Amino acid sequence: MILVDDILLSPIRGLFWIFREIHNAAQQEFENEPEAITAELTNLYMMLETEKITEEEFDKREKELLDRLDELEERKNQQ
């Protein structure tokens, strides 16, 4: 009977494993997001200095990135 139970429950266990892996990947991405935003800001400053973007475009993108960074800090402080 145990063998039958194992056979019947294996798809469910596999599904739970997949969900757990997706959750872990999402959590890891969330934890690494501040570093990704900082790297993007650095790249943005370099693009401005090399005149690949205008100051207006720089200001707009910088504001978006800093707002995302502030939002992440607020979430972190709430936990």
Protein backbone atom coordinates (compact mmCIF):
# COMPACT_ATOMS: atom_id res chain seq x y z
CA MET A 1 0.00 0.00 0.00
CA ILE A 2 2.90 2.37 0.71
CA LEU A 3 4.22 1.90 -2.81
CA VAL A 4 0.83 2.83 -4.27
CA ASP A 5 0.70 5.92 -2.04
CA ASP A 6 4.17 6.96 -3.18
CA ILE A 7 3.21 6.53 -6.82
CA LEU A 8 0.00 8.51 -6.41
CA LEU A 9 1.59 11.32 -4.42
CA SER A 10 4.73 11.76 -6.53
CA PRO A 11 3.12 14.25 -9.00
CA ILE A 12 1.90 16.36 -6.07
CA ARG A 13 5.33 16.28 -4.43
CA GLY A 14 6.91 17.29 -7.73
CA LEU A 15 4.48 20.18 -8.04
CA PHE A 16 5.27 21.36 -4.52
CA TRP A 17 8.98 21.16 -5.29
CA ILE A 18 8.47 23.34 -8.40
CA PHE A 19 6.49 25.92 -6.39
CA ARG A 20 9.16 25.96 -3.69
CA GLU A 21 11.90 26.54 -6.29
CA ILE A 22 9.92 29.38 -7.91
CA HIS A 23 9.41 30.96 -4.49
CA ASN A 24 13.11 30.69 -3.68
CA ALA A 25 14.10 32.23 -7.02
CA ALA A 26 11.68 35.13 -6.56
CA GLN A 27 12.89 35.74 -3.02
CA GLN A 28 16.53 35.73 -4.14
CA GLU A 29 15.75 38.18 -6.95
CA PHE A 30 13.96 40.45 -4.49
CA GLU A 31 16.96 40.38 -2.14
CA ASN A 32 19.37 41.23 -4.97
CA GLU A 33 17.26 44.02 -6.47
CA PRO A 34 18.98 46.89 -4.57
CA GLU A 35 22.35 45.87 -6.00
CA ALA A 36 20.86 45.68 -9.50
CA ILE A 37 19.36 49.16 -9.13
CA THR A 38 22.67 50.55 -7.88
CA ALA A 39 24.46 49.03 -10.88
CA GLU A 40 21.85 50.52 -13.19
CA LEU A 41 22.34 53.94 -11.58
CA THR A 42 26.09 53.67 -12.11
CA ASN A 43 25.52 52.81 -15.75
CA LEU A 44 23.12 55.74 -16.05
CA TYR A 45 25.72 58.18 -14.67
CA MET A 46 28.29 56.84 -17.11
CA MET A 47 25.86 57.29 -20.01
CA LEU A 48 25.27 60.90 -18.97
CA GLU A 49 29.00 61.62 -18.73
CA THR A 50 29.63 60.16 -22.17
CA GLU A 51 26.66 62.14 -23.50
CA LYS A 52 24.76 59.08 -24.69
CA ILE A 53 21.63 60.42 -23.00
CA THR A 54 20.33 63.90 -22.31
CA GLU A 55 20.03 65.41 -18.85
CA GLU A 56 16.24 65.29 -19.09
CA GLU A 57 16.28 61.58 -19.84
CA PHE A 58 18.84 61.07 -17.09
CA ASP A 59 16.69 62.93 -14.55
CA LYS A 60 13.61 60.92 -15.47
CA ARG A 61 15.34 57.52 -15.28
CA GLU A 62 17.26 58.46 -12.13
CA LYS A 63 14.04 59.45 -10.37
CA GLU A 64 12.42 56.13 -11.31
CA LEU A 65 15.38 54.14 -10.01
CA LEU A 66 15.66 56.13 -6.78
CA ASP A 67 11.92 55.75 -6.18
CA ARG A 68 12.22 51.98 -6.61
CA LEU A 69 15.16 51.94 -4.22
CA ASP A 70 13.20 53.96 -1.63
CA GLU A 71 10.23 51.61 -2.02
CA LEU A 72 12.46 48.60 -1.37
CA GLU A 73 13.90 50.25 1.74
CA GLU A 74 10.39 50.93 3.06
CA ARG A 75 9.38 47.29 2.51
CA LYS A 76 12.54 46.11 4.22
CA ASN A 77 11.90 48.36 7.24
CA GLN A 78 8.29 47.16 7.54
CA GLN A 79 9.34 43.52 7.84
